[in-house]
Amino acid sequence: MRTDDFWQLIDQARAGGGGEPHAVAARAVALLARRDPEEIVGYARHQARVLAASHRVDLWGAAYLINGGVSGDGFHHFRGWLMTQGRAVFARAVADPDSLAELPQVRAASLSGEEFACEEMLTVPWDAYRKATAADLPADRDPVPVPDLNDFWDFDDEDEARRRLPKLAALFVEPPGE
């Protein structure tokens, strides 16, 4: 499966239903399950590449600020939610995590405390393959390596958050004392 095909399927799943992440994941399973099993395997491989490309400390820091803290699994689920936002939002967030501050739902979350996660989006290929074939998705013989994250910064350090992610910090970190 090519990059365009991967994101096109997600866009189709986003159509209708108001873009609610769990509904996007359910529609993606239904759409993908109609495809040839080899295409489902291709989707799984591409999803692994997308997740590896987004496995970045600065994006983790953004997820931490937005969700009020996030574990390793929580970061993974956050990226599942990010996938449900479509290719343009995903790509921009990977290139510039602070751009997430421009999303209306993120701005609203700074007031409501809403957290963003969609674990179901991460299981789309497995669920679709099982639905299409009544079998488990074959293990990838050539898994995509996940980057090593050695440059963590203290996500609870408000000054560092303001320096690295100024737009998100303005929304989610208490302003400095006067």
N, C-alpha and C. Protein backbone atom coordinates (compact mmCIF):
# COMPACT_ATOMS: atom_id res chain seq x y z
N MET A 1 0.85 -1.18 0.00
CA MET A 1 0.00 0.00 0.00
C MET A 1 0.90 1.24 0.00
N ARG A 2 0.55 2.18 -0.83
CA ARG A 2 1.30 3.44 -0.93
C ARG A 2 0.80 4.44 0.12
N THR A 3 1.62 5.44 0.38
CA THR A 3 1.27 6.47 1.35
C THR A 3 -0.07 7.11 1.03
N ASP A 4 -0.28 7.47 -0.23
CA ASP A 4 -1.55 8.10 -0.62
C ASP A 4 -2.73 7.19 -0.33
N ASP A 5 -2.59 5.89 -0.60
CA ASP A 5 -3.69 4.94 -0.36
C ASP A 5 -3.99 4.83 1.14
N PHE A 6 -2.95 4.79 1.95
CA PHE A 6 -3.10 4.70 3.40
C PHE A 6 -3.92 5.88 3.92
N TRP A 7 -3.50 7.09 3.56
CA TRP A 7 -4.20 8.28 4.07
C TRP A 7 -5.57 8.47 3.42
N GLN A 8 -5.71 8.02 2.19
CA GLN A 8 -7.02 8.10 1.54
C GLN A 8 -8.04 7.23 2.28
N LEU A 9 -7.62 6.05 2.71
CA LEU A 9 -8.53 5.19 3.48
C LEU A 9 -8.91 5.87 4.79
N ILE A 10 -7.97 6.51 5.45
CA ILE A 10 -8.27 7.22 6.69
C ILE A 10 -9.22 8.39 6.41
N ASP A 11 -8.99 9.11 5.30
CA ASP A 11 -9.91 10.20 4.94
C ASP A 11 -11.32 9.67 4.69
N GLN A 12 -11.43 8.53 4.04
CA GLN A 12 -12.76 7.93 3.82
C GLN A 12 -13.40 7.58 5.16
N ALA A 13 -12.61 7.08 6.07
CA ALA A 13 -13.14 6.72 7.39
C ALA A 13 -13.54 7.96 8.18
N ARG A 14 -12.87 9.07 7.93
CA ARG A 14 -13.18 10.33 8.61
C ARG A 14 -14.48 10.95 8.10
N ALA A 15 -14.83 10.64 6.86
CA ALA A 15 -16.03 11.24 6.25
C ALA A 15 -17.28 10.81 7.02
N GLY A 16 -18.08 11.77 7.37
CA GLY A 16 -19.31 11.48 8.11
C GLY A 16 -19.02 11.19 9.56
N GLY A 17 -20.01 11.26 10.38
CA GLY A 17 -19.86 10.93 11.79
C GLY A 17 -19.13 11.97 12.60
N GLY A 18 -18.88 13.15 12.02
CA GLY A 18 -18.26 14.23 12.78
C GLY A 18 -16.80 14.03 13.12
N GLY A 19 -16.16 13.00 12.60
CA GLY A 19 -14.74 12.78 12.85
C GLY A 19 -14.41 12.28 14.23
N GLU A 20 -15.38 11.76 14.97
CA GLU A 20 -15.12 11.21 16.30
C GLU A 20 -14.11 10.08 16.15
N PRO A 21 -12.99 10.13 16.89
CA PRO A 21 -11.89 9.18 16.67
C PRO A 21 -12.27 7.70 16.72
N HIS A 22 -13.08 7.30 17.67
CA HIS A 22 -13.42 5.88 17.78
C HIS A 22 -14.29 5.44 16.60
N ALA A 23 -15.13 6.35 16.11
CA ALA A 23 -15.94 6.05 14.92
C ALA A 23 -15.06 5.98 13.67
N VAL A 24 -14.05 6.84 13.60
CA VAL A 24 -13.10 6.80 12.47
C VAL A 24 -12.40 5.44 12.44
N ALA A 25 -11.97 4.97 13.60
CA ALA A 25 -11.29 3.67 13.68
C ALA A 25 -12.22 2.55 13.24
N ALA A 26 -13.47 2.57 13.70
CA ALA A 26 -14.43 1.52 13.32
C ALA A 26 -14.70 1.54 11.82
N ARG A 27 -14.84 2.73 11.24
CA ARG A 27 -15.06 2.82 9.79
C ARG A 27 -13.82 2.37 9.02
N ALA A 28 -12.63 2.69 9.55
CA ALA A 28 -11.39 2.26 8.88
C ALA A 28 -11.31 0.74 8.86
N VAL A 29 -11.71 0.09 9.95
CA VAL A 29 -11.72 -1.39 9.98
C VAL A 29 -12.66 -1.90 8.90
N ALA A 30 -13.87 -1.35 8.84
CA ALA A 30 -14.86 -1.82 7.87
C ALA A 30 -14.37 -1.61 6.43
N LEU A 31 -13.79 -0.45 6.15
CA LEU A 31 -13.29 -0.16 4.80
C LEU A 31 -12.12 -1.07 4.44
N LEU A 32 -11.21 -1.25 5.36
CA LEU A 32 -10.02 -2.05 5.09
C LEU A 32 -10.37 -3.53 4.96
N ALA A 33 -11.34 -3.99 5.73
CA ALA A 33 -11.72 -5.41 5.69
C ALA A 33 -12.29 -5.81 4.33
N ARG A 34 -12.75 -4.85 3.55
CA ARG A 34 -13.27 -5.13 2.20
C ARG A 34 -12.16 -5.33 1.18
N ARG A 35 -10.96 -5.02 1.56
CA ARG A 35 -9.82 -5.10 0.64
C ARG A 35 -9.17 -6.47 0.67
N ASP A 36 -8.32 -6.69 -0.30
CA ASP A 36 -7.56 -7.93 -0.39
C ASP A 36 -6.66 -8.06 0.85
N PRO A 37 -6.50 -9.27 1.39
CA PRO A 37 -5.64 -9.44 2.57
C PRO A 37 -4.23 -8.86 2.41
N GLU A 38 -3.68 -8.92 1.21
CA GLU A 38 -2.34 -8.34 0.99
C GLU A 38 -2.35 -6.83 1.20
N GLU A 39 -3.45 -6.18 0.84
CA GLU A 39 -3.56 -4.74 1.06
C GLU A 39 -3.65 -4.42 2.55
N ILE A 40 -4.32 -5.29 3.29
CA ILE A 40 -4.41 -5.10 4.73
C ILE A 40 -3.03 -5.22 5.36
N VAL A 41 -2.25 -6.18 4.91
CA VAL A 41 -0.87 -6.33 5.38
C VAL A 41 -0.07 -5.08 5.01
N GLY A 42 -0.29 -4.56 3.81
CA GLY A 42 0.39 -3.33 3.39
C GLY A 42 0.01 -2.15 4.25
N TYR A 43 -1.26 -2.06 4.63
CA TYR A 43 -1.72 -1.00 5.53
C TYR A 43 -0.98 -1.12 6.87
N ALA A 44 -0.88 -2.33 7.39
CA ALA A 44 -0.20 -2.55 8.67
C ALA A 44 1.26 -2.11 8.58
N ARG A 45 1.92 -2.42 7.49
CA ARG A 45 3.33 -2.02 7.32
C ARG A 45 3.45 -0.50 7.25
N HIS A 46 2.52 0.10 6.51
CA HIS A 46 2.58 1.55 6.39
C HIS A 46 2.28 2.21 7.74
N GLN A 47 1.32 1.69 8.46
CA GLN A 47 1.01 2.24 9.78
C GLN A 47 2.24 2.16 10.68
N ALA A 48 2.98 1.08 10.61
CA ALA A 48 4.20 0.95 11.42
C ALA A 48 5.21 2.03 11.04
N ARG A 49 5.32 2.34 9.75
CA ARG A 49 6.25 3.40 9.32
C ARG A 49 5.78 4.77 9.81
N VAL A 50 4.47 5.01 9.75
CA VAL A 50 3.90 6.27 10.22
C VAL A 50 4.16 6.44 11.72
N LEU A 51 3.94 5.38 12.46
CA LEU A 51 4.16 5.45 13.91
C LEU A 51 5.63 5.63 14.24
N ALA A 52 6.52 4.98 13.49
CA ALA A 52 7.95 5.14 13.72
C ALA A 52 8.38 6.58 13.43
N ALA A 53 7.85 7.15 12.35
CA ALA A 53 8.21 8.52 11.99
C ALA A 53 7.73 9.53 13.03
N SER A 54 6.67 9.19 13.74
CA SER A 54 6.11 10.11 14.74
C SER A 54 6.61 9.82 16.15
N HIS A 55 7.50 8.85 16.29
CA HIS A 55 8.05 8.49 17.61
C HIS A 55 9.19 9.45 17.92
N ARG A 56 8.77 10.67 18.31
CA ARG A 56 9.73 11.76 18.52
C ARG A 56 9.50 12.38 19.89
N VAL A 57 10.58 12.75 20.52
CA VAL A 57 10.50 13.33 21.86
C VAL A 57 9.69 14.60 21.87
N ASP A 58 9.87 15.48 20.86
CA ASP A 58 9.14 16.74 20.88
C ASP A 58 7.63 16.51 20.73
N LEU A 59 7.22 15.52 19.97
CA LEU A 59 5.80 15.20 19.86
C LEU A 59 5.30 14.59 21.17
N TRP A 60 6.13 13.78 21.80
CA TRP A 60 5.78 13.21 23.11
C TRP A 60 5.57 14.35 24.12
N GLY A 61 6.44 15.35 24.08
CA GLY A 61 6.29 16.50 24.96
C GLY A 61 4.98 17.23 24.70
N ALA A 62 4.60 17.37 23.44
CA ALA A 62 3.33 18.01 23.10
C ALA A 62 2.16 17.19 23.65
N ALA A 63 2.21 15.88 23.47
CA ALA A 63 1.15 15.01 24.00
C ALA A 63 1.08 15.11 25.51
N TYR A 64 2.23 15.20 26.15
CA TYR A 64 2.30 15.32 27.61
C TYR A 64 1.61 16.60 28.08
N LEU A 65 1.89 17.71 27.41
CA LEU A 65 1.26 18.98 27.78
C LEU A 65 -0.25 18.92 27.55
N ILE A 66 -0.64 18.46 26.38
CA ILE A 66 -2.06 18.45 26.00
C ILE A 66 -2.88 17.54 26.91
N ASN A 67 -2.36 16.36 27.19
CA ASN A 67 -3.12 15.37 27.97
C ASN A 67 -2.84 15.44 29.47
N GLY A 68 -2.04 16.39 29.88
CA GLY A 68 -1.75 16.53 31.31
C GLY A 68 -0.90 15.39 31.84
N GLY A 69 0.01 14.91 31.01
CA GLY A 69 0.86 13.76 31.34
C GLY A 69 0.52 12.62 30.42
N VAL A 70 1.52 11.81 30.08
CA VAL A 70 1.28 10.68 29.19
C VAL A 70 2.41 9.67 29.33
N SER A 71 2.03 8.40 29.48
CA SER A 71 2.98 7.28 29.57
C SER A 71 3.40 6.88 28.15
N GLY A 72 4.22 5.86 28.07
CA GLY A 72 4.59 5.32 26.76
C GLY A 72 3.38 4.83 25.99
N ASP A 73 2.51 4.07 26.65
CA ASP A 73 1.28 3.61 25.99
C ASP A 73 0.38 4.79 25.66
N GLY A 74 0.32 5.76 26.57
CA GLY A 74 -0.50 6.94 26.33
C GLY A 74 -0.02 7.72 25.12
N PHE A 75 1.30 7.80 24.94
CA PHE A 75 1.84 8.48 23.75
C PHE A 75 1.46 7.71 22.49
N HIS A 76 1.53 6.40 22.56
CA HIS A 76 1.13 5.58 21.42
C HIS A 76 -0.35 5.83 21.08
N HIS A 77 -1.21 5.86 22.09
CA HIS A 77 -2.64 6.08 21.88
C HIS A 77 -2.91 7.50 21.38
N PHE A 78 -2.10 8.47 21.84
CA PHE A 78 -2.21 9.84 21.35
C PHE A 78 -1.94 9.87 19.84
N ARG A 79 -0.91 9.14 19.41
CA ARG A 79 -0.59 9.11 17.98
C ARG A 79 -1.69 8.39 17.19
N GLY A 80 -2.39 7.44 17.82
CA GLY A 80 -3.57 6.85 17.19
C GLY A 80 -4.62 7.93 16.96
N TRP A 81 -4.86 8.77 17.97
CA TRP A 81 -5.79 9.88 17.81
C TRP A 81 -5.31 10.81 16.71
N LEU A 82 -4.01 11.11 16.71
CA LEU A 82 -3.46 12.02 15.71
C LEU A 82 -3.68 11.48 14.29
N MET A 83 -3.58 10.18 14.12
CA MET A 83 -3.85 9.58 12.80
C MET A 83 -5.29 9.87 12.38
N THR A 84 -6.22 9.86 13.31
CA THR A 84 -7.63 10.10 12.96
C THR A 84 -7.88 11.53 12.51
N GLN A 85 -6.91 12.40 12.70
CA GLN A 85 -7.06 13.79 12.29
C GLN A 85 -6.68 14.01 10.82
N GLY A 86 -6.14 12.97 10.17
CA GLY A 86 -5.81 13.07 8.75
C GLY A 86 -4.35 13.38 8.50
N ARG A 87 -3.99 13.23 7.25
CA ARG A 87 -2.60 13.33 6.83
C ARG A 87 -1.99 14.71 7.08
N ALA A 88 -2.68 15.78 6.71
CA ALA A 88 -2.10 17.12 6.83
C ALA A 88 -1.82 17.46 8.29
N VAL A 89 -2.76 17.19 9.17
CA VAL A 89 -2.57 17.49 10.60
C VAL A 89 -1.46 16.62 11.16
N PHE A 90 -1.46 15.33 10.80
CA PHE A 90 -0.44 14.41 11.29
C PHE A 90 0.95 14.86 10.86
N ALA A 91 1.11 15.13 9.57
CA ALA A 91 2.43 15.52 9.04
C ALA A 91 2.91 16.82 9.67
N ARG A 92 2.00 17.76 9.82
CA ARG A 92 2.39 19.04 10.40
C ARG A 92 2.80 18.86 11.86
N ALA A 93 2.07 18.03 12.60
CA ALA A 93 2.39 17.80 14.01
C ALA A 93 3.74 17.10 14.17
N VAL A 94 4.07 16.19 13.27
CA VAL A 94 5.37 15.52 13.34
C VAL A 94 6.49 16.52 13.04
N ALA A 95 6.27 17.38 12.05
CA ALA A 95 7.28 18.37 11.69
C ALA A 95 7.38 19.50 12.72
N ASP A 96 6.23 19.87 13.31
CA ASP A 96 6.18 20.98 14.26
C ASP A 96 5.09 20.68 15.29
N PRO A 97 5.44 19.95 16.36
CA PRO A 97 4.43 19.58 17.35
C PRO A 97 3.68 20.77 17.94
N ASP A 98 4.32 21.93 18.00
CA ASP A 98 3.66 23.11 18.55
C ASP A 98 2.48 23.56 17.68
N SER A 99 2.43 23.08 16.43
CA SER A 99 1.31 23.42 15.54
C SER A 99 -0.02 22.86 16.05
N LEU A 100 0.05 21.86 16.93
CA LEU A 100 -1.19 21.31 17.50
C LEU A 100 -1.97 22.36 18.26
N ALA A 101 -1.32 23.41 18.73
CA ALA A 101 -2.00 24.49 19.45
C ALA A 101 -3.00 25.22 18.57
N GLU A 102 -2.88 25.06 17.26
CA GLU A 102 -3.78 25.73 16.33
C GLU A 102 -5.07 24.95 16.08
N LEU A 103 -5.13 23.69 16.52
CA LEU A 103 -6.34 22.89 16.30
C LEU A 103 -7.43 23.34 17.28
N PRO A 104 -8.63 23.59 16.76
CA PRO A 104 -9.72 24.04 17.65
C PRO A 104 -9.98 23.08 18.82
N GLN A 105 -9.92 21.77 18.58
CA GLN A 105 -10.20 20.82 19.65
C GLN A 105 -9.11 20.84 20.71
N VAL A 106 -7.88 21.13 20.33
CA VAL A 106 -6.78 21.23 21.30
C VAL A 106 -6.95 22.51 22.11
N ARG A 107 -7.30 23.59 21.44
CA ARG A 107 -7.54 24.85 22.16
C ARG A 107 -8.67 24.68 23.17
N ALA A 108 -9.73 24.00 22.74
CA ALA A 108 -10.86 23.75 23.65
C ALA A 108 -10.43 22.87 24.82
N ALA A 109 -9.54 21.90 24.56
CA ALA A 109 -9.08 21.00 25.62
C ALA A 109 -8.29 21.73 26.69
N SER A 110 -7.69 22.86 26.34
CA SER A 110 -6.95 23.63 27.34
C SER A 110 -7.90 24.18 28.41
N LEU A 111 -9.17 24.29 28.08
CA LEU A 111 -10.18 24.76 29.04
C LEU A 111 -10.95 23.61 29.67
N SER A 112 -11.20 22.56 28.86
CA SER A 112 -12.05 21.46 29.33
C SER A 112 -11.29 20.33 30.01
N GLY A 113 -10.00 20.21 29.70
CA GLY A 113 -9.22 19.10 30.24
C GLY A 113 -9.38 17.82 29.45
N GLU A 114 -10.06 17.89 28.29
CA GLU A 114 -10.22 16.71 27.45
C GLU A 114 -8.85 16.15 27.07
N GLU A 115 -8.76 14.83 27.03
CA GLU A 115 -7.52 14.16 26.63
C GLU A 115 -7.76 13.49 25.29
N PHE A 116 -6.70 13.33 24.52
CA PHE A 116 -6.80 12.77 23.18
C PHE A 116 -6.06 11.44 23.08
N ALA A 117 -6.79 10.40 22.76
CA ALA A 117 -6.22 9.06 22.59
C ALA A 117 -7.19 8.24 21.75
N CYS A 118 -6.65 7.34 20.95
CA CYS A 118 -7.50 6.43 20.19
C CYS A 118 -6.73 5.13 19.95
N GLU A 119 -6.76 4.28 20.96
CA GLU A 119 -6.08 2.99 20.87
C GLU A 119 -6.65 2.15 19.72
N GLU A 120 -7.95 2.28 19.47
CA GLU A 120 -8.60 1.48 18.42
C GLU A 120 -8.00 1.74 17.04
N MET A 121 -7.50 2.96 16.82
CA MET A 121 -6.91 3.27 15.51
C MET A 121 -5.64 2.46 15.29
N LEU A 122 -4.98 2.10 16.37
CA LEU A 122 -3.74 1.34 16.26
C LEU A 122 -3.98 -0.13 15.94
N THR A 123 -5.18 -0.63 16.20
CA THR A 123 -5.49 -2.05 15.95
C THR A 123 -6.27 -2.25 14.65
N VAL A 124 -6.45 -1.20 13.88
CA VAL A 124 -7.23 -1.29 12.63
C VAL A 124 -6.77 -2.44 11.74
N PRO A 125 -5.49 -2.58 11.41
CA PRO A 125 -5.13 -3.65 10.48
C PRO A 125 -5.39 -5.05 11.05
N TRP A 126 -5.16 -5.23 12.34
CA TRP A 126 -5.39 -6.54 12.96
C TRP A 126 -6.89 -6.88 12.96
N ASP A 127 -7.71 -5.89 13.32
CA ASP A 127 -9.15 -6.10 13.35
C ASP A 127 -9.71 -6.33 11.95
N ALA A 128 -9.22 -5.58 10.97
CA ALA A 128 -9.69 -5.72 9.59
C ALA A 128 -9.27 -7.08 9.03
N TYR A 129 -8.06 -7.50 9.29
CA TYR A 129 -7.57 -8.78 8.77
C TYR A 129 -8.40 -9.93 9.36
N ARG A 130 -8.65 -9.86 10.65
CA ARG A 130 -9.45 -10.90 11.31
C ARG A 130 -10.86 -10.93 10.73
N LYS A 131 -11.42 -9.74 10.50
CA LYS A 131 -12.77 -9.65 9.94
C LYS A 131 -12.82 -10.19 8.51
N ALA A 132 -11.78 -9.93 7.73
CA ALA A 132 -11.74 -10.33 6.32
C ALA A 132 -11.40 -11.81 6.13
N THR A 133 -10.56 -12.35 7.03
CA THR A 133 -10.02 -13.70 6.80
C THR A 133 -10.32 -14.70 7.91
N ALA A 134 -10.83 -14.23 9.03
CA ALA A 134 -11.04 -15.07 10.23
C ALA A 134 -9.71 -15.64 10.74
N ALA A 135 -8.63 -14.96 10.42
CA ALA A 135 -7.29 -15.38 10.87
C ALA A 135 -6.57 -14.16 11.43
N ASP A 136 -5.46 -14.41 12.13
CA ASP A 136 -4.66 -13.32 12.66
C ASP A 136 -3.77 -12.74 11.57
N LEU A 137 -3.52 -11.45 11.66
CA LEU A 137 -2.61 -10.78 10.75
C LEU A 137 -1.24 -11.42 10.89
N PRO A 138 -0.62 -11.80 9.78
CA PRO A 138 0.71 -12.42 9.88
C PRO A 138 1.73 -11.44 10.47
N ALA A 139 2.66 -11.97 11.22
CA ALA A 139 3.72 -11.15 11.80
C ALA A 139 4.58 -10.58 10.67
N ASP A 140 4.99 -9.35 10.83
CA ASP A 140 5.84 -8.71 9.84
C ASP A 140 7.25 -9.28 9.98
N ARG A 141 7.76 -9.83 8.90
CA ARG A 141 9.10 -10.45 8.93
C ARG A 141 10.21 -9.42 8.92
N ASP A 142 9.86 -8.19 8.53
CA ASP A 142 10.85 -7.12 8.46
C ASP A 142 10.27 -5.90 9.18
N PRO A 143 10.20 -5.96 10.53
CA PRO A 143 9.56 -4.86 11.27
C PRO A 143 10.30 -3.54 11.11
N VAL A 144 9.55 -2.47 11.17
CA VAL A 144 10.10 -1.13 11.07
C VAL A 144 10.77 -0.78 12.39
N PRO A 145 12.04 -0.37 12.36
CA PRO A 145 12.70 -0.01 13.62
C PRO A 145 12.11 1.28 14.18
N VAL A 146 11.96 1.31 15.48
CA VAL A 146 11.45 2.49 16.17
C VAL A 146 12.66 3.29 16.65
N PRO A 147 12.67 4.59 16.37
CA PRO A 147 13.83 5.39 16.79
C PRO A 147 14.04 5.36 18.30
N ASP A 148 15.30 5.39 18.69
CA ASP A 148 15.66 5.45 20.10
C ASP A 148 15.50 6.90 20.56
N LEU A 149 14.86 7.09 21.68
CA LEU A 149 14.63 8.44 22.19
C LEU A 149 15.59 8.72 23.34
N ASN A 150 16.72 9.28 23.01
CA ASN A 150 17.73 9.56 24.03
C ASN A 150 17.76 11.02 24.46
N ASP A 151 16.98 11.86 23.83
CA ASP A 151 17.07 13.29 24.13
C ASP A 151 15.83 13.80 24.87
N PHE A 152 15.36 13.01 25.85
CA PHE A 152 14.21 13.44 26.66
C PHE A 152 14.55 14.71 27.42
N TRP A 153 13.55 15.51 27.59
CA TRP A 153 13.65 16.67 28.48
C TRP A 153 12.57 16.51 29.53
N ASP A 154 12.67 17.24 30.60
CA ASP A 154 11.73 17.13 31.70
C ASP A 154 10.43 17.81 31.29
N PHE A 155 9.43 17.00 30.94
CA PHE A 155 8.16 17.54 30.46
C PHE A 155 7.44 18.35 31.54
N ASP A 156 7.79 18.16 32.80
CA ASP A 156 7.19 18.93 33.89
C ASP A 156 7.90 20.27 34.13
N ASP A 157 9.00 20.49 33.45
CA ASP A 157 9.75 21.74 33.58
C ASP A 157 9.03 22.80 32.73
N GLU A 158 8.31 23.70 33.41
CA GLU A 158 7.48 24.68 32.70
C GLU A 158 8.30 25.63 31.84
N ASP A 159 9.47 26.02 32.30
CA ASP A 159 10.31 26.92 31.50
C ASP A 159 10.79 26.22 30.23
N GLU A 160 11.16 24.94 30.36
CA GLU A 160 11.61 24.17 29.20
C GLU A 160 10.44 23.97 28.23
N ALA A 161 9.26 23.71 28.75
CA ALA A 161 8.06 23.56 27.90
C ALA A 161 7.79 24.86 27.15
N ARG A 162 7.92 25.99 27.83
CA ARG A 162 7.71 27.29 27.17
C ARG A 162 8.73 27.52 26.07
N ARG A 163 9.97 27.07 26.31
CA ARG A 163 11.04 27.27 25.31
C ARG A 163 10.83 26.37 24.10
N ARG A 164 10.48 25.11 24.34
CA ARG A 164 10.38 24.14 23.24
C ARG A 164 9.04 24.16 22.51
N LEU A 165 7.97 24.42 23.24
CA LEU A 165 6.61 24.37 22.66
C LEU A 165 5.84 25.61 23.13
N PRO A 166 6.23 26.78 22.66
CA PRO A 166 5.66 28.01 23.21
C PRO A 166 4.14 28.16 23.04
N LYS A 167 3.60 27.75 21.91
CA LYS A 167 2.15 27.89 21.69
C LYS A 167 1.37 26.94 22.59
N LEU A 168 1.83 25.71 22.69
CA LEU A 168 1.15 24.74 23.57
C LEU A 168 1.32 25.13 25.03
N ALA A 169 2.51 25.59 25.39
CA ALA A 169 2.75 26.01 26.76
C ALA A 169 1.84 27.16 27.15
N ALA A 170 1.59 28.08 26.20
CA ALA A 170 0.71 29.20 26.48
C ALA A 170 -0.71 28.72 26.81
N LEU A 171 -1.09 27.57 26.26
CA LEU A 171 -2.42 27.02 26.51
C LEU A 171 -2.46 26.14 27.77
N PHE A 172 -1.40 25.37 28.00
CA PHE A 172 -1.47 24.29 29.01
C PHE A 172 -0.59 24.48 30.23
N VAL A 173 0.30 25.45 30.23
CA VAL A 173 1.18 25.69 31.36
C VAL A 173 0.74 27.00 32.00
N GLU A 174 0.73 27.00 33.32
CA GLU A 174 0.36 28.23 34.03
C GLU A 174 1.32 29.34 33.59
N PRO A 175 0.79 30.53 33.36
CA PRO A 175 1.69 31.63 32.97
C PRO A 175 2.69 31.93 34.09
N PRO A 176 3.87 32.40 33.73
CA PRO A 176 4.86 32.71 34.76
C PRO A 176 4.34 33.80 35.68
N GLY A 177 4.76 33.74 36.92
CA GLY A 177 4.35 34.74 37.91
C GLY A 177 4.84 36.12 37.53
N GLU A 178 4.09 37.11 37.95
CA GLU A 178 4.48 38.48 37.61
C GLU A 178 5.24 39.11 38.74
